[in-house]
N, C-alpha and C. Protein backbone atom coordinates (compact mmCIF):
# COMPACT_ATOMS: atom_id res chain seq x y z
N MET A 1 4.76 -9.32 10.46
CA MET A 1 5.93 -8.56 10.08
C MET A 1 6.73 -9.38 9.06
N LEU A 2 7.14 -8.73 8.01
CA LEU A 2 7.89 -9.40 6.95
C LEU A 2 9.39 -9.39 7.25
N SER A 3 10.04 -10.46 6.85
CA SER A 3 11.50 -10.51 7.00
C SER A 3 12.14 -9.66 5.90
N PRO A 4 13.39 -9.25 6.09
CA PRO A 4 14.07 -8.47 5.04
C PRO A 4 14.14 -9.22 3.71
N ALA A 5 14.33 -10.52 3.75
CA ALA A 5 14.38 -11.29 2.51
C ALA A 5 13.02 -11.29 1.80
N ALA A 6 11.96 -11.43 2.58
CA ALA A 6 10.62 -11.41 2.00
C ALA A 6 10.31 -10.04 1.40
N LYS A 7 10.73 -8.97 2.09
CA LYS A 7 10.52 -7.62 1.55
C LYS A 7 11.26 -7.43 0.23
N ARG A 8 12.48 -7.92 0.15
CA ARG A 8 13.25 -7.80 -1.11
C ARG A 8 12.53 -8.51 -2.24
N GLU A 9 12.03 -9.72 -1.97
CA GLU A 9 11.35 -10.50 -3.00
C GLU A 9 10.06 -9.78 -3.43
N LEU A 10 9.32 -9.23 -2.48
CA LEU A 10 8.09 -8.53 -2.82
C LEU A 10 8.36 -7.22 -3.57
N LYS A 11 9.43 -6.51 -3.20
CA LYS A 11 9.80 -5.30 -3.94
C LYS A 11 10.11 -5.63 -5.39
N ALA A 12 10.81 -6.75 -5.60
CA ALA A 12 11.14 -7.16 -6.97
C ALA A 12 9.87 -7.48 -7.75
N ARG A 13 8.93 -8.17 -7.12
CA ARG A 13 7.66 -8.49 -7.78
C ARG A 13 6.85 -7.23 -8.08
N ALA A 14 6.92 -6.24 -7.20
CA ALA A 14 6.12 -5.03 -7.34
C ALA A 14 6.69 -4.06 -8.37
N HIS A 15 7.93 -4.25 -8.75
CA HIS A 15 8.58 -3.29 -9.64
C HIS A 15 7.78 -3.04 -10.92
N ALA A 16 7.23 -4.08 -11.51
CA ALA A 16 6.53 -3.94 -12.79
C ALA A 16 5.07 -3.52 -12.63
N LEU A 17 4.57 -3.45 -11.41
CA LEU A 17 3.16 -3.11 -11.19
C LEU A 17 2.90 -1.62 -11.39
N LYS A 18 1.68 -1.32 -11.77
CA LYS A 18 1.20 0.06 -11.84
C LYS A 18 0.32 0.31 -10.62
N PRO A 19 0.24 1.56 -10.15
CA PRO A 19 -0.65 1.85 -9.02
C PRO A 19 -2.10 1.53 -9.38
N VAL A 20 -2.78 0.81 -8.48
CA VAL A 20 -4.17 0.43 -8.74
C VAL A 20 -5.15 1.31 -7.97
N VAL A 21 -4.67 2.01 -6.95
CA VAL A 21 -5.52 2.91 -6.17
C VAL A 21 -4.81 4.26 -6.07
N LEU A 22 -5.57 5.32 -6.32
CA LEU A 22 -5.02 6.66 -6.22
C LEU A 22 -5.70 7.39 -5.07
N VAL A 23 -4.91 7.94 -4.16
CA VAL A 23 -5.45 8.68 -3.01
C VAL A 23 -5.67 10.12 -3.45
N GLY A 24 -6.87 10.62 -3.22
CA GLY A 24 -7.22 11.98 -3.61
C GLY A 24 -6.93 12.98 -2.52
N GLN A 25 -7.48 14.17 -2.69
CA GLN A 25 -7.25 15.27 -1.76
C GLN A 25 -7.80 14.99 -0.37
N ARG A 26 -8.81 14.16 -0.27
CA ARG A 26 -9.42 13.88 1.03
C ARG A 26 -8.61 12.90 1.86
N GLY A 27 -7.61 12.29 1.26
CA GLY A 27 -6.75 11.38 2.00
C GLY A 27 -7.38 10.01 2.19
N VAL A 28 -7.06 9.40 3.31
CA VAL A 28 -7.53 8.05 3.61
C VAL A 28 -8.94 8.12 4.19
N THR A 29 -9.91 7.74 3.37
CA THR A 29 -11.31 7.75 3.78
C THR A 29 -11.80 6.30 3.86
N PRO A 30 -12.95 6.06 4.45
CA PRO A 30 -13.49 4.70 4.47
C PRO A 30 -13.70 4.12 3.06
N ALA A 31 -14.12 4.95 2.11
CA ALA A 31 -14.30 4.49 0.73
C ALA A 31 -12.96 4.08 0.12
N LEU A 32 -11.92 4.86 0.40
CA LEU A 32 -10.60 4.52 -0.11
C LEU A 32 -10.11 3.22 0.50
N LEU A 33 -10.31 3.05 1.81
CA LEU A 33 -9.90 1.81 2.47
C LEU A 33 -10.63 0.61 1.88
N ALA A 34 -11.89 0.79 1.52
CA ALA A 34 -12.65 -0.30 0.89
C ALA A 34 -12.05 -0.66 -0.46
N SER A 35 -11.63 0.34 -1.23
CA SER A 35 -11.00 0.09 -2.53
C SER A 35 -9.68 -0.63 -2.37
N VAL A 36 -8.88 -0.20 -1.41
CA VAL A 36 -7.58 -0.84 -1.16
C VAL A 36 -7.79 -2.27 -0.68
N ASP A 37 -8.78 -2.48 0.19
CA ASP A 37 -9.09 -3.82 0.70
C ASP A 37 -9.48 -4.75 -0.45
N GLU A 38 -10.31 -4.25 -1.35
CA GLU A 38 -10.74 -5.04 -2.50
C GLU A 38 -9.54 -5.39 -3.40
N ALA A 39 -8.66 -4.43 -3.62
CA ALA A 39 -7.49 -4.67 -4.46
C ALA A 39 -6.54 -5.67 -3.79
N LEU A 40 -6.37 -5.57 -2.48
CA LEU A 40 -5.52 -6.54 -1.77
C LEU A 40 -6.11 -7.93 -1.81
N ASN A 41 -7.42 -8.05 -1.71
CA ASN A 41 -8.07 -9.36 -1.81
C ASN A 41 -7.85 -9.98 -3.18
N ALA A 42 -7.85 -9.15 -4.21
CA ALA A 42 -7.69 -9.65 -5.57
C ALA A 42 -6.25 -9.93 -5.94
N HIS A 43 -5.30 -9.11 -5.43
CA HIS A 43 -3.93 -9.20 -5.93
C HIS A 43 -2.87 -9.50 -4.88
N GLU A 44 -3.12 -9.36 -3.63
CA GLU A 44 -2.16 -9.52 -2.53
C GLU A 44 -1.11 -8.41 -2.47
N LEU A 45 -0.54 -8.05 -3.59
CA LEU A 45 0.53 -7.06 -3.66
C LEU A 45 0.09 -5.94 -4.59
N ILE A 46 0.01 -4.72 -4.06
CA ILE A 46 -0.48 -3.60 -4.87
C ILE A 46 0.37 -2.35 -4.63
N LYS A 47 0.25 -1.43 -5.58
CA LYS A 47 0.84 -0.10 -5.43
C LYS A 47 -0.29 0.90 -5.25
N VAL A 48 -0.06 1.87 -4.36
CA VAL A 48 -1.03 2.94 -4.11
C VAL A 48 -0.29 4.26 -4.31
N ARG A 49 -0.86 5.15 -5.13
CA ARG A 49 -0.26 6.47 -5.32
C ARG A 49 -0.95 7.45 -4.37
N LEU A 50 -0.13 8.06 -3.52
CA LEU A 50 -0.64 9.00 -2.53
C LEU A 50 -0.73 10.40 -3.12
N ALA A 51 -1.54 11.24 -2.50
CA ALA A 51 -1.65 12.63 -2.92
C ALA A 51 -0.36 13.37 -2.58
N ALA A 52 -0.13 14.44 -3.28
CA ALA A 52 1.05 15.25 -3.00
C ALA A 52 0.95 15.83 -1.60
N GLY A 53 2.05 15.92 -0.94
CA GLY A 53 2.07 16.45 0.41
C GLY A 53 3.44 16.22 1.02
N GLU A 54 3.55 16.56 2.27
CA GLU A 54 4.81 16.37 2.97
C GLU A 54 5.11 14.89 3.15
N ARG A 55 6.37 14.58 3.22
CA ARG A 55 6.78 13.18 3.39
C ARG A 55 6.20 12.58 4.66
N THR A 56 6.19 13.33 5.74
CA THR A 56 5.65 12.79 7.00
C THR A 56 4.17 12.46 6.88
N GLU A 57 3.42 13.28 6.14
CA GLU A 57 2.00 13.00 5.92
C GLU A 57 1.82 11.72 5.13
N ARG A 58 2.65 11.55 4.09
CA ARG A 58 2.55 10.34 3.26
C ARG A 58 2.88 9.09 4.07
N VAL A 59 3.88 9.18 4.93
CA VAL A 59 4.25 8.04 5.77
C VAL A 59 3.10 7.70 6.72
N LEU A 60 2.48 8.72 7.31
CA LEU A 60 1.35 8.49 8.21
C LEU A 60 0.17 7.86 7.48
N GLU A 61 -0.12 8.33 6.26
CA GLU A 61 -1.22 7.77 5.48
C GLU A 61 -0.95 6.31 5.14
N ALA A 62 0.27 6.00 4.75
CA ALA A 62 0.63 4.62 4.41
C ALA A 62 0.50 3.72 5.63
N ASP A 63 0.99 4.18 6.77
CA ASP A 63 0.88 3.39 8.00
C ASP A 63 -0.57 3.21 8.42
N ARG A 64 -1.38 4.26 8.27
CA ARG A 64 -2.79 4.19 8.62
C ARG A 64 -3.52 3.16 7.75
N MET A 65 -3.23 3.17 6.44
CA MET A 65 -3.85 2.19 5.55
C MET A 65 -3.43 0.78 5.93
N ALA A 66 -2.14 0.58 6.15
CA ALA A 66 -1.64 -0.75 6.46
C ALA A 66 -2.23 -1.28 7.76
N SER A 67 -2.28 -0.46 8.79
CA SER A 67 -2.80 -0.93 10.07
C SER A 67 -4.31 -1.18 10.00
N ALA A 68 -5.05 -0.35 9.28
CA ALA A 68 -6.49 -0.52 9.16
C ALA A 68 -6.85 -1.78 8.39
N LEU A 69 -5.98 -2.20 7.47
CA LEU A 69 -6.29 -3.34 6.61
C LEU A 69 -5.47 -4.58 6.94
N ASP A 70 -4.71 -4.53 8.02
CA ASP A 70 -3.87 -5.65 8.43
C ASP A 70 -2.91 -6.05 7.30
N ALA A 71 -2.28 -5.04 6.70
CA ALA A 71 -1.33 -5.25 5.61
C ALA A 71 0.05 -4.76 6.04
N ASP A 72 1.04 -5.07 5.22
CA ASP A 72 2.41 -4.62 5.47
C ASP A 72 2.83 -3.62 4.41
N VAL A 73 3.54 -2.58 4.83
CA VAL A 73 4.13 -1.64 3.88
C VAL A 73 5.46 -2.26 3.44
N VAL A 74 5.54 -2.64 2.18
CA VAL A 74 6.75 -3.27 1.65
C VAL A 74 7.77 -2.21 1.28
N ALA A 75 7.32 -1.14 0.64
CA ALA A 75 8.22 -0.08 0.21
C ALA A 75 7.43 1.21 0.06
N SER A 76 8.15 2.30 0.17
CA SER A 76 7.57 3.62 -0.03
C SER A 76 8.60 4.44 -0.80
N ILE A 77 8.27 4.74 -2.05
CA ILE A 77 9.19 5.48 -2.91
C ILE A 77 8.44 6.69 -3.43
N GLY A 78 8.83 7.86 -2.94
CA GLY A 78 8.15 9.08 -3.34
C GLY A 78 6.70 9.03 -2.91
N ARG A 79 5.80 9.16 -3.88
CA ARG A 79 4.37 9.15 -3.59
C ARG A 79 3.74 7.78 -3.76
N VAL A 80 4.54 6.76 -4.06
CA VAL A 80 4.01 5.42 -4.30
C VAL A 80 4.35 4.51 -3.12
N VAL A 81 3.34 3.80 -2.64
CA VAL A 81 3.50 2.87 -1.53
C VAL A 81 3.12 1.48 -2.02
N VAL A 82 3.92 0.50 -1.66
CA VAL A 82 3.63 -0.90 -2.00
C VAL A 82 3.10 -1.58 -0.74
N LEU A 83 1.89 -2.14 -0.86
CA LEU A 83 1.26 -2.84 0.26
C LEU A 83 1.12 -4.32 -0.07
N TYR A 84 1.25 -5.15 0.97
CA TYR A 84 1.13 -6.60 0.81
C TYR A 84 0.28 -7.16 1.93
N ARG A 85 -0.65 -8.01 1.56
CA ARG A 85 -1.43 -8.78 2.54
C ARG A 85 -1.72 -10.13 1.91
N PRO A 86 -1.25 -11.21 2.54
CA PRO A 86 -1.51 -12.53 1.95
C PRO A 86 -3.01 -12.85 1.93
N ARG A 87 -3.40 -13.61 0.94
CA ARG A 87 -4.80 -14.02 0.87
C ARG A 87 -5.10 -14.98 2.02
N PRO A 88 -6.27 -14.88 2.59
CA PRO A 88 -6.61 -15.82 3.66
C PRO A 88 -6.72 -17.24 3.10
N THR A 89 -6.28 -18.19 3.89
CA THR A 89 -6.32 -19.58 3.42
C THR A 89 -7.46 -20.35 4.02
């Protein structure tokens, strides 16, 4: 779990990033999770653009991705979710 100060710092770092993974109509699939996992391994901090839908659906998808990949949801603004997972040492 990230502290509020750490979340603020990560949000600031993520501001200039572009979404690297786009969620399609099928939602969170194993192939999508593999893409997000690969992006997190390469960058630690990424943006994911979710498919259009209800806010509650988007929140559930973001939480599902984060829990499946042992990542933290740093921010969720509209259809864009910022995920963070530190690189293993």
